[in-house]
C-alpha cells in the first residue's frame, strides 16, 4: 500500500518573497492612485500605469496593522488577488521589493 505525501504549501507570494503584499482597489473612484499597495507595513499609492510619465507610484508611510485595517475599512477598499493586478502594477511592486 502506497501512501501519499502531502505537498507543503509555500509561504512565498507571486514575487518569490515571504513579505506580505496586499493590493487594494478603490474601483477607480475619482482617485489617480487607484491601487493601495501594502508591502510589509509600508504603504504605496499607485495608478493603473505607475511607471508611465503620467502615472503614480508614491510611497506613503509605514503603518501598524491596525492603522492599515482602519484605512482600508474607512475608504471601503476592495482587496485584489495579486494575479488580477495589472501587469504594470506588478512591475512597480517588484521594483519596490
PDB file of N, CA and C in Angstrom:
ATOM      1  N   UNK A   1       0.843  -1.176   0.000  1.00  0.00           N
ATOM      2  CA  UNK A   1       0.000   0.000   0.000  1.00  0.00           C
ATOM      3  C   UNK A   1       0.894   1.247   0.000  1.00  0.00           C
ATOM      4  N   UNK A   2       0.673   2.085  -0.963  1.00  0.00           N
ATOM      5  CA  UNK A   2       1.443   3.324  -1.065  1.00  0.00           C
ATOM      6  C   UNK A   2       0.760   4.418  -0.261  1.00  0.00           C
ATOM      7  N   UNK A   3       1.541   5.316   0.245  1.00  0.00           N
ATOM      8  CA  UNK A   3       0.948   6.450   0.954  1.00  0.00           C
ATOM      9  C   UNK A   3       1.273   7.725   0.195  1.00  0.00           C
ATOM     10  N   UNK A   4       0.411   8.673   0.360  1.00  0.00           N
ATOM     11  CA  UNK A   4       0.578   9.950  -0.330  1.00  0.00           C
ATOM     12  C   UNK A   4       1.284  10.937   0.592  1.00  0.00           C
ATOM     13  N   UNK A   5       2.208  11.640   0.021  1.00  0.00           N
ATOM     14  CA  UNK A   5       2.906  12.674   0.769  1.00  0.00           C
ATOM     15  C   UNK A   5       2.210  13.994   0.478  1.00  0.00           C
ATOM     16  N   UNK A   6       1.801  14.643   1.534  1.00  0.00           N
ATOM     17  CA  UNK A   6       1.160  15.950   1.348  1.00  0.00           C
ATOM     18  C   UNK A   6       2.212  16.960   0.923  1.00  0.00           C
ATOM     19  N   UNK A   7       1.892  17.691  -0.114  1.00  0.00           N
ATOM     20  CA  UNK A   7       2.833  18.739  -0.521  1.00  0.00           C
ATOM     21  C   UNK A   7       2.646  19.926   0.411  1.00  0.00           C
ATOM     22  N   UNK A   8       3.747  20.504   0.813  1.00  0.00           N
ATOM     23  CA  UNK A   8       3.677  21.675   1.685  1.00  0.00           C
ATOM     24  C   UNK A   8       3.456  22.910   0.847  1.00  0.00           C
ATOM     25  N   UNK A   9       2.510  23.687   1.281  1.00  0.00           N
ATOM     26  CA  UNK A   9       2.218  24.931   0.582  1.00  0.00           C
ATOM     27  C   UNK A   9       3.307  25.949   0.911  1.00  0.00           C
ATOM     28  N   UNK A  10       3.828  26.576  -0.093  1.00  0.00           N
ATOM     29  CA  UNK A  10       4.880  27.558   0.110  1.00  0.00           C
ATOM     30  C   UNK A  10       4.306  28.835   0.712  1.00  0.00           C
ATOM     31  N   UNK A  11       5.073  29.473   1.572  1.00  0.00           N
ATOM     32  CA  UNK A  11       4.656  30.744   2.151  1.00  0.00           C
ATOM     33  C   UNK A  11       5.036  31.913   1.255  1.00  0.00           C
ATOM     34  N   UNK A  12       5.643  31.607   0.120  1.00  0.00           N
ATOM     35  CA  UNK A  12       6.096  32.670  -0.764  1.00  0.00           C
ATOM     36  C   UNK A  12       4.949  33.176  -1.631  1.00  0.00           C
ATOM     37  N   UNK A  13       5.004  34.454  -1.963  1.00  0.00           N
ATOM     38  CA  UNK A  13       3.978  35.050  -2.804  1.00  0.00           C
ATOM     39  C   UNK A  13       4.386  34.976  -4.276  1.00  0.00           C
ATOM     40  N   UNK A  14       3.633  35.634  -5.109  1.00  0.00           N
ATOM     41  CA  UNK A  14       3.860  35.648  -6.550  1.00  0.00           C
ATOM     42  C   UNK A  14       5.257  36.137  -6.922  1.00  0.00           C
ATOM     43  N   UNK A  15       5.867  36.952  -6.072  1.00  0.00           N
ATOM     44  CA  UNK A  15       7.185  37.524  -6.340  1.00  0.00           C
ATOM     45  C   UNK A  15       8.319  36.705  -5.733  1.00  0.00           C
ATOM     46  N   UNK A  16       7.989  35.573  -5.117  1.00  0.00           N
ATOM     47  CA  UNK A  16       9.012  34.705  -4.553  1.00  0.00           C
ATOM     48  C   UNK A  16       9.566  35.171  -3.222  1.00  0.00           C
ATOM     49  N   UNK A  17       8.882  36.071  -2.562  1.00  0.00           N
ATOM     50  CA  UNK A  17       9.318  36.562  -1.266  1.00  0.00           C
ATOM     51  C   UNK A  17       8.267  36.226  -0.219  1.00  0.00           C
ATOM     52  N   UNK A  18       8.662  36.209   1.035  1.00  0.00           N
ATOM     53  CA  UNK A  18       7.719  35.920   2.108  1.00  0.00           C
ATOM     54  C   UNK A  18       7.069  37.190   2.660  1.00  0.00           C
ATOM     55  N   UNK A  19       7.461  38.329   2.121  1.00  0.00           N
ATOM     56  CA  UNK A  19       6.882  39.593   2.587  1.00  0.00           C
ATOM     57  C   UNK A  19       5.385  39.624   2.286  1.00  0.00           C
ATOM     58  N   UNK A  20       4.657  40.246   3.192  1.00  0.00           N
ATOM     59  CA  UNK A  20       3.231  40.432   2.950  1.00  0.00           C
ATOM     60  C   UNK A  20       3.073  41.460   1.840  1.00  0.00           C
ATOM     61  N   UNK A  21       2.308  41.108   0.826  1.00  0.00           N
ATOM     62  CA  UNK A  21       1.985  42.048  -0.240  1.00  0.00           C
ATOM     63  C   UNK A  21       0.471  41.997  -0.436  1.00  0.00           C
ATOM     64  N   UNK A  22      -0.187  43.089  -0.089  1.00  0.00           N
ATOM     65  CA  UNK A  22      -1.632  43.199  -0.267  1.00  0.00           C
ATOM     66  C   UNK A  22      -1.902  44.359  -1.215  1.00  0.00           C
ATOM     67  N   UNK A  23      -2.846  44.158  -2.115  1.00  0.00           N
ATOM     68  CA  UNK A  23      -3.224  45.205  -3.056  1.00  0.00           C
ATOM     69  C   UNK A  23      -4.718  45.460  -2.892  1.00  0.00           C
ATOM     70  N   UNK A  24      -5.067  46.727  -2.755  1.00  0.00           N
ATOM     71  CA  UNK A  24      -6.466  47.137  -2.610  1.00  0.00           C
ATOM     72  C   UNK A  24      -6.825  48.072  -3.749  1.00  0.00           C
ATOM     73  N   UNK A  25      -8.055  47.951  -4.222  1.00  0.00           N
ATOM     74  CA  UNK A  25      -8.538  48.734  -5.361  1.00  0.00           C
ATOM     75  C   UNK A  25      -9.690  49.612  -4.895  1.00  0.00           C
ATOM     76  N   UNK A  26      -9.641  50.888  -5.231  1.00  0.00           N
ATOM     77  CA  UNK A  26     -10.756  51.767  -4.881  1.00  0.00           C
ATOM     78  C   UNK A  26     -11.805  51.793  -5.993  1.00  0.00           C
ATOM     79  N   UNK A  27     -11.613  50.981  -7.016  1.00  0.00           N
ATOM     80  CA  UNK A  27     -12.589  50.891  -8.103  1.00  0.00           C
ATOM     81  C   UNK A  27     -12.491  52.025  -9.103  1.00  0.00           C
ATOM     82  N   UNK A  28     -11.445  52.828  -9.008  1.00  0.00           N
ATOM     83  CA  UNK A  28     -11.264  53.937  -9.939  1.00  0.00           C
ATOM     84  C   UNK A  28     -12.081  55.165  -9.592  1.00  0.00           C
ATOM     85  N   UNK A  29     -12.537  55.258  -8.345  1.00  0.00           N
ATOM     86  CA  UNK A  29     -13.374  56.382  -7.908  1.00  0.00           C
ATOM     87  C   UNK A  29     -12.568  57.662  -7.733  1.00  0.00           C
ATOM     88  N   UNK A  30     -12.580  58.516  -8.685  1.00  0.00           N
ATOM     89  CA  UNK A  30     -12.039  59.873  -8.560  1.00  0.00           C
ATOM     90  C   UNK A  30     -10.612  59.979  -8.023  1.00  0.00           C
ATOM     91  N   UNK A  31      -9.875  58.909  -7.975  1.00  0.00           N
ATOM     92  CA  UNK A  31      -8.504  58.972  -7.462  1.00  0.00           C
ATOM     93  C   UNK A  31      -7.535  58.538  -8.545  1.00  0.00           C
ATOM     94  N   UNK A  32      -6.470  59.277  -8.692  1.00  0.00           N
ATOM     95  CA  UNK A  32      -5.455  58.884  -9.664  1.00  0.00           C
ATOM     96  C   UNK A  32      -4.666  57.690  -9.137  1.00  0.00           C
ATOM     97  N   UNK A  33      -4.550  57.576  -7.805  1.00  0.00           N
ATOM     98  CA  UNK A  33      -3.854  56.425  -7.219  1.00  0.00           C
ATOM     99  C   UNK A  33      -4.880  55.350  -6.872  1.00  0.00           C
ATOM    100  N   UNK A  34      -5.329  54.676  -7.912  1.00  0.00           N
ATOM    101  CA  UNK A  34      -6.399  53.684  -7.790  1.00  0.00           C
ATOM    102  C   UNK A  34      -6.041  52.553  -6.835  1.00  0.00           C
ATOM    103  N   UNK A  35      -4.784  52.135  -6.842  1.00  0.00           N
ATOM    104  CA  UNK A  35      -4.369  50.983  -6.041  1.00  0.00           C
ATOM    105  C   UNK A  35      -3.594  51.419  -4.804  1.00  0.00           C
ATOM    106  N   UNK A  36      -3.921  50.804  -3.678  1.00  0.00           N
ATOM    107  CA  UNK A  36      -3.156  50.958  -2.457  1.00  0.00           C
ATOM    108  C   UNK A  36      -2.402  49.652  -2.280  1.00  0.00           C
ATOM    109  N   UNK A  37      -1.088  49.730  -2.250  1.00  0.00           N
ATOM    110  CA  UNK A  37      -0.245  48.544  -2.166  1.00  0.00           C
ATOM    111  C   UNK A  37       0.452  48.545  -0.804  1.00  0.00           C
ATOM    112  N   UNK A  38       0.311  47.432  -0.091  1.00  0.00           N
ATOM    113  CA  UNK A  38       0.943  47.274   1.215  1.00  0.00           C
ATOM    114  C   UNK A  38       2.023  46.206   1.082  1.00  0.00           C
ATOM    115  N   UNK A  39       3.255  46.598   1.326  1.00  0.00           N
ATOM    116  CA  UNK A  39       4.393  45.664   1.308  1.00  0.00           C
ATOM    117  C   UNK A  39       4.963  45.663   2.717  1.00  0.00           C
ATOM    118  N   UNK A  40       4.769  44.564   3.422  1.00  0.00           N
ATOM    119  CA  UNK A  40       5.112  44.534   4.843  1.00  0.00           C
ATOM    120  C   UNK A  40       4.145  45.476   5.546  1.00  0.00           C
ATOM    121  N   UNK A  41       4.643  46.572   6.064  1.00  0.00           N
ATOM    122  CA  UNK A  41       3.788  47.610   6.638  1.00  0.00           C
ATOM    123  C   UNK A  41       3.993  48.950   5.948  1.00  0.00           C
ATOM    124  N   UNK A  42       4.692  48.931   4.816  1.00  0.00           N
ATOM    125  CA  UNK A  42       4.880  50.137   4.005  1.00  0.00           C
ATOM    126  C   UNK A  42       3.728  50.256   3.020  1.00  0.00           C
ATOM    127  N   UNK A  43       3.183  51.455   2.895  1.00  0.00           N
ATOM    128  CA  UNK A  43       2.016  51.683   2.047  1.00  0.00           C
ATOM    129  C   UNK A  43       2.382  52.595   0.880  1.00  0.00           C
ATOM    130  N   UNK A  44       1.922  52.212  -0.312  1.00  0.00           N
ATOM    131  CA  UNK A  44       2.178  52.959  -1.543  1.00  0.00           C
ATOM    132  C   UNK A  44       0.854  53.227  -2.247  1.00  0.00           C
ATOM    133  N   UNK A  45       0.778  54.357  -2.929  1.00  0.00           N
ATOM    134  CA  UNK A  45      -0.351  54.653  -3.797  1.00  0.00           C
ATOM    135  C   UNK A  45       0.113  54.491  -5.234  1.00  0.00           C
ATOM    136  N   UNK A  46      -0.657  53.745  -6.035  1.00  0.00           N
ATOM    137  CA  UNK A  46      -0.265  53.513  -7.423  1.00  0.00           C
ATOM    138  C   UNK A  46      -1.459  53.653  -8.354  1.00  0.00           C
ATOM    139  N   UNK A  47      -1.190  54.211  -9.520  1.00  0.00           N
ATOM    140  CA  UNK A  47      -2.206  54.254 -10.566  1.00  0.00           C
ATOM    141  C   UNK A  47      -2.143  52.937 -11.333  1.00  0.00           C
ATOM    142  N   UNK A  48      -3.027  52.760 -12.300  1.00  0.00           N
ATOM    143  CA  UNK A  48      -3.036  51.535 -13.106  1.00  0.00           C
ATOM    144  C   UNK A  48      -1.787  51.444 -13.982  1.00  0.00           C
ATOM    145  N   UNK A  49      -1.153  52.581 -14.218  1.00  0.00           N
ATOM    146  CA  UNK A  49       0.071  52.632 -15.033  1.00  0.00           C
ATOM    147  C   UNK A  49       1.169  53.381 -14.262  1.00  0.00           C
ATOM    148  N   UNK A  50       1.638  52.806 -13.152  1.00  0.00           N
ATOM    149  CA  UNK A  50       2.546  53.530 -12.249  1.00  0.00           C
ATOM    150  C   UNK A  50       3.914  53.883 -12.808  1.00  0.00           C
ATOM    151  N   UNK A  51       4.333  53.238 -13.872  1.00  0.00           N
ATOM    152  CA  UNK A  51       5.655  53.517 -14.430  1.00  0.00           C
ATOM    153  C   UNK A  51       5.609  54.499 -15.598  1.00  0.00           C
ATOM    154  N   UNK A  52       4.418  54.966 -15.923  1.00  0.00           N
ATOM    155  CA  UNK A  52       4.237  55.927 -17.005  1.00  0.00           C
ATOM    156  C   UNK A  52       4.652  57.322 -16.536  1.00  0.00           C
ATOM    157  N   UNK A  53       4.941  58.179 -17.477  1.00  0.00           N
ATOM    158  CA  UNK A  53       5.263  59.570 -17.156  1.00  0.00           C
ATOM    159  C   UNK A  53       4.129  60.227 -16.365  1.00  0.00           C
ATOM    160  N   UNK A  54       2.897  59.841 -16.667  1.00  0.00           N
ATOM    161  CA  UNK A  54       1.733  60.432 -16.001  1.00  0.00           C
ATOM    162  C   UNK A  54       1.166  59.530 -14.916  1.00  0.00           C
ATOM    163  N   UNK A  55       1.879  58.451 -14.609  1.00  0.00           N
ATOM    164  CA  UNK A  55       1.414  57.518 -13.595  1.00  0.00           C
ATOM    165  C   UNK A  55       1.828  57.934 -12.191  1.00  0.00           C
ATOM    166  N   UNK A  56       1.299  57.215 -11.208  1.00  0.00           N
ATOM    167  CA  UNK A  56       1.610  57.479  -9.799  1.00  0.00           C
ATOM    168  C   UNK A  56       2.177  56.203  -9.183  1.00  0.00           C
ATOM    169  N   UNK A  57       3.289  56.350  -8.479  1.00  0.00           N
ATOM    170  CA  UNK A  57       3.921  55.257  -7.747  1.00  0.00           C
ATOM    171  C   UNK A  57       4.616  55.906  -6.560  1.00  0.00           C
ATOM    172  N   UNK A  58       3.830  56.220  -5.537  1.00  0.00           N
ATOM    173  CA  UNK A  58       4.321  57.058  -4.447  1.00  0.00           C
ATOM    174  C   UNK A  58       4.259  56.348  -3.097  1.00  0.00           C
ATOM    175  N   UNK A  59       5.369  56.444  -2.374  1.00  0.00           N
ATOM    176  CA  UNK A  59       5.424  55.921  -1.012  1.00  0.00           C
ATOM    177  C   UNK A  59       4.613  56.819  -0.096  1.00  0.00           C
ATOM    178  N   UNK A  60       3.799  56.205   0.755  1.00  0.00           N
ATOM    179  CA  UNK A  60       3.005  56.980   1.701  1.00  0.00           C
ATOM    180  C   UNK A  60       3.702  57.006   3.057  1.00  0.00           C
ATOM    181  N   UNK A  61       3.738  55.861   3.740  1.00  0.00           N
ATOM    182  CA  UNK A  61       4.355  55.799   5.063  1.00  0.00           C
ATOM    183  C   UNK A  61       4.308  54.356   5.548  1.00  0.00           C
ATOM    184  N   UNK A  62       4.885  54.134   6.717  1.00  0.00           N
ATOM    185  CA  UNK A  62       4.815  52.822   7.361  1.00  0.00           C
ATOM    186  C   UNK A  62       3.751  52.911   8.445  1.00  0.00           C
ATOM    187  N   UNK A  63       2.834  51.936   8.447  1.00  0.00           N
ATOM    188  CA  UNK A  63       1.720  51.929   9.387  1.00  0.00           C
ATOM    189  C   UNK A  63       1.640  50.608  10.130  1.00  0.00           C
ATOM    190  N   UNK A  64       0.978  50.633  11.280  1.00  0.00           N
ATOM    191  CA  UNK A  64       0.729  49.396  12.024  1.00  0.00           C
ATOM    192  C   UNK A  64      -0.386  48.622  11.311  1.00  0.00           C
ATOM    193  N   UNK A  65      -0.519  47.343  11.640  1.00  0.00           N
ATOM    194  CA  UNK A  65      -1.585  46.531  11.042  1.00  0.00           C
ATOM    195  C   UNK A  65      -2.953  47.130  11.347  1.00  0.00           C
ATOM    196  N   UNK A  66      -3.118  47.633  12.557  1.00  0.00           N
ATOM    197  CA  UNK A  66      -4.396  48.230  12.955  1.00  0.00           C
ATOM    198  C   UNK A  66      -4.701  49.481  12.119  1.00  0.00           C
ATOM    199  N   UNK A  67      -3.709  50.312  11.904  1.00  0.00           N
ATOM    200  CA  UNK A  67      -3.908  51.522  11.099  1.00  0.00           C
ATOM    201  C   UNK A  67      -4.257  51.167   9.653  1.00  0.00           C
ATOM    202  N   UNK A  68      -3.595  50.145   9.115  1.00  0.00           N
ATOM    203  CA  UNK A  68      -3.885  49.723   7.737  1.00  0.00           C
ATOM    204  C   UNK A  68      -5.310  49.199   7.643  1.00  0.00           C
ATOM    205  N   UNK A  69      -5.731  48.383   8.595  1.00  0.00           N
ATOM    206  CA  UNK A  69      -7.103  47.849   8.599  1.00  0.00           C
ATOM    207  C   UNK A  69      -8.138  48.962   8.657  1.00  0.00           C
ATOM    208  N   UNK A  70      -7.887  49.946   9.509  1.00  0.00           N
ATOM    209  CA  UNK A  70      -8.812  51.071   9.651  1.00  0.00           C
ATOM    210  C   UNK A  70      -8.870  51.881   8.353  1.00  0.00           C
ATOM    211  N   UNK A  71      -7.723  52.122   7.747  1.00  0.00           N
ATOM    212  CA  UNK A  71      -7.621  52.865   6.492  1.00  0.00           C
ATOM    213  C   UNK A  71      -8.420  52.160   5.388  1.00  0.00           C
ATOM    214  N   UNK A  72      -8.199  50.852   5.249  1.00  0.00           N
ATOM    215  CA  UNK A  72      -8.887  50.058   4.220  1.00  0.00           C
ATOM    216  C   UNK A  72     -10.395  50.070   4.462  1.00  0.00           C
ATOM    217  N   UNK A  73     -10.791  49.922   5.717  1.00  0.00           N
ATOM    218  CA  UNK A  73     -12.219  49.921   6.055  1.00  0.00           C
ATOM    219  C   UNK A  73     -12.868  51.274   5.786  1.00  0.00           C
ATOM    220  N   UNK A  74     -12.228  52.339   6.238  1.00  0.00           N
ATOM    221  CA  UNK A  74     -12.808  53.680   6.077  1.00  0.00           C
ATOM    222  C   UNK A  74     -12.960  54.091   4.613  1.00  0.00           C
ATOM    223  N   UNK A  75     -12.013  53.683   3.776  1.00  0.00           N
ATOM    224  CA  UNK A  75     -12.083  54.037   2.353  1.00  0.00           C
ATOM    225  C   UNK A  75     -12.846  53.012   1.524  1.00  0.00           C
ATOM    226  N   UNK A  76     -13.306  51.944   2.190  1.00  0.00           N
ATOM    227  CA  UNK A  76     -14.067  50.884   1.519  1.00  0.00           C
ATOM    228  C   UNK A  76     -13.302  50.299   0.326  1.00  0.00           C
ATOM    229  N   UNK A  77     -12.033  50.007   0.566  1.00  0.00           N
ATOM    230  CA  UNK A  77     -11.198  49.447  -0.486  1.00  0.00           C
ATOM    231  C   UNK A  77     -11.441  47.941  -0.599  1.00  0.00           C
ATOM    232  N   UNK A  78     -11.353  47.441  -1.816  1.00  0.00           N
ATOM    233  CA  UNK A  78     -11.556  46.016  -2.080  1.00  0.00           C
ATOM    234  C   UNK A  78     -10.198  45.347  -2.274  1.00  0.00           C
ATOM    235  N   UNK A  79      -9.947  44.278  -1.515  1.00  0.00           N
ATOM    236  CA  UNK A  79      -8.688  43.546  -1.672  1.00  0.00           C
ATOM    237  C   UNK A  79      -8.716  42.800  -3.001  1.00  0.00           C
ATOM    238  N   UNK A  80      -7.592  42.889  -3.724  1.00  0.00           N
ATOM    239  CA  UNK A  80      -7.476  42.277  -5.037  1.00  0.00           C
ATOM    240  C   UNK A  80      -6.412  41.185  -4.984  1.00  0.00           C
ATOM    241  N   UNK A  81      -6.694  40.061  -5.624  1.00  0.00           N
ATOM    242  CA  UNK A  81      -5.720  38.983  -5.714  1.00  0.00           C
ATOM    243  C   UNK A  81      -4.557  39.450  -6.578  1.00  0.00           C
ATOM    244  N   UNK A  82      -3.331  39.133  -6.177  1.00  0.00           N
ATOM    245  CA  UNK A  82      -2.153  39.568  -6.936  1.00  0.00           C
ATOM    246  C   UNK A  82      -2.207  39.139  -8.401  1.00  0.00           C
ATOM    247  N   UNK A  83      -2.811  37.994  -8.674  1.00  0.00           N
ATOM    248  CA  UNK A  83      -2.877  37.526 -10.056  1.00  0.00           C
ATOM    249  C   UNK A  83      -3.805  38.389 -10.915  1.00  0.00           C
ATOM    250  N   UNK A  84      -4.676  39.177 -10.288  1.00  0.00           N
ATOM    251  CA  UNK A  84      -5.625  40.028 -11.009  1.00  0.00           C
ATOM    252  C   UNK A  84      -5.130  41.464 -11.193  1.00  0.00           C
ATOM    253  N   UNK A  85      -3.997  41.774 -10.604  1.00  0.00           N
ATOM    254  CA  UNK A  85      -3.448  43.133 -10.666  1.00  0.00           C
ATOM    255  C   UNK A  85      -2.854  43.369 -12.062  1.00  0.00           C
ATOM    256  N   UNK A  86      -3.044  44.570 -12.632  1.00  0.00           N
ATOM    257  CA  UNK A  86      -2.464  44.855 -13.948  1.00  0.00           C
ATOM    258  C   UNK A  86      -0.949  44.644 -13.977  1.00  0.00           C
ATOM    259  N   UNK A  87      -0.460  44.233 -15.133  1.00  0.00           N
ATOM    260  CA  UNK A  87       0.960  43.916 -15.308  1.00  0.00           C
ATOM    261  C   UNK A  87       1.864  45.081 -14.889  1.00  0.00           C
ATOM    262  N   UNK A  88       1.503  46.302 -15.263  1.00  0.00           N
ATOM    263  CA  UNK A  88       2.328  47.471 -14.918  1.00  0.00           C
ATOM    264  C   UNK A  88       2.420  47.685 -13.404  1.00  0.00           C
ATOM    265  N   UNK A  89       1.350  47.365 -12.682  1.00  0.00           N
ATOM    266  CA  UNK A  89       1.365  47.495 -11.229  1.00  0.00           C
ATOM    267  C   UNK A  89       2.274  46.413 -10.629  1.00  0.00           C
ATOM    268  N   UNK A  90       2.231  45.204 -11.187  1.00  0.00           N
ATOM    269  CA  UNK A  90       3.116  44.131 -10.729  1.00  0.00           C
ATOM    270  C   UNK A  90       4.587  44.517 -10.915  1.00  0.00           C
ATOM    271  N   UNK A  91       4.888  45.128 -12.037  1.00  0.00           N
ATOM    272  CA  UNK A  91       6.264  45.572 -12.310  1.00  0.00           C
ATOM    273  C   UNK A  91       6.689  46.621 -11.272  1.00  0.00           C
ATOM    274  N   UNK A  92       5.791  47.545 -10.952  1.00  0.00           N
ATOM    275  CA  UNK A  92       6.097  48.583  -9.961  1.00  0.00           C
ATOM    276  C   UNK A  92       6.286  47.972  -8.569  1.00  0.00           C
ATOM    277  N   UNK A  93       5.451  46.977  -8.223  1.00  0.00           N
ATOM    278  CA  UNK A  93       5.592  46.304  -6.931  1.00  0.00           C
ATOM    279  C   UNK A  93       6.951  45.618  -6.858  1.00  0.00           C
ATOM    280  N   UNK A  94       7.307  44.909  -7.912  1.00  0.00           N
ATOM    281  CA  UNK A  94       8.596  44.212  -7.942  1.00  0.00           C
ATOM    282  C   UNK A  94       9.747  45.190  -7.730  1.00  0.00           C
ATOM    283  N   UNK A  95       9.628  46.394  -8.308  1.00  0.00           N
ATOM    284  CA  UNK A  95      10.650  47.419  -8.142  1.00  0.00           C
ATOM    285  C   UNK A  95      10.736  47.949  -6.728  1.00  0.00           C
ATOM    286  N   UNK A  96       9.668  47.792  -5.953  1.00  0.00           N
ATOM    287  CA  UNK A  96       9.646  48.271  -4.563  1.00  0.00           C
ATOM    288  C   UNK A  96      10.158  47.225  -3.580  1.00  0.00           C
ATOM    289  N   UNK A  97      10.352  45.989  -4.035  1.00  0.00           N
ATOM    290  CA  UNK A  97      10.792  44.930  -3.117  1.00  0.00           C
ATOM    291  C   UNK A  97      12.273  45.043  -2.792  1.00  0.00           C
TER     292      UNK A  97
END
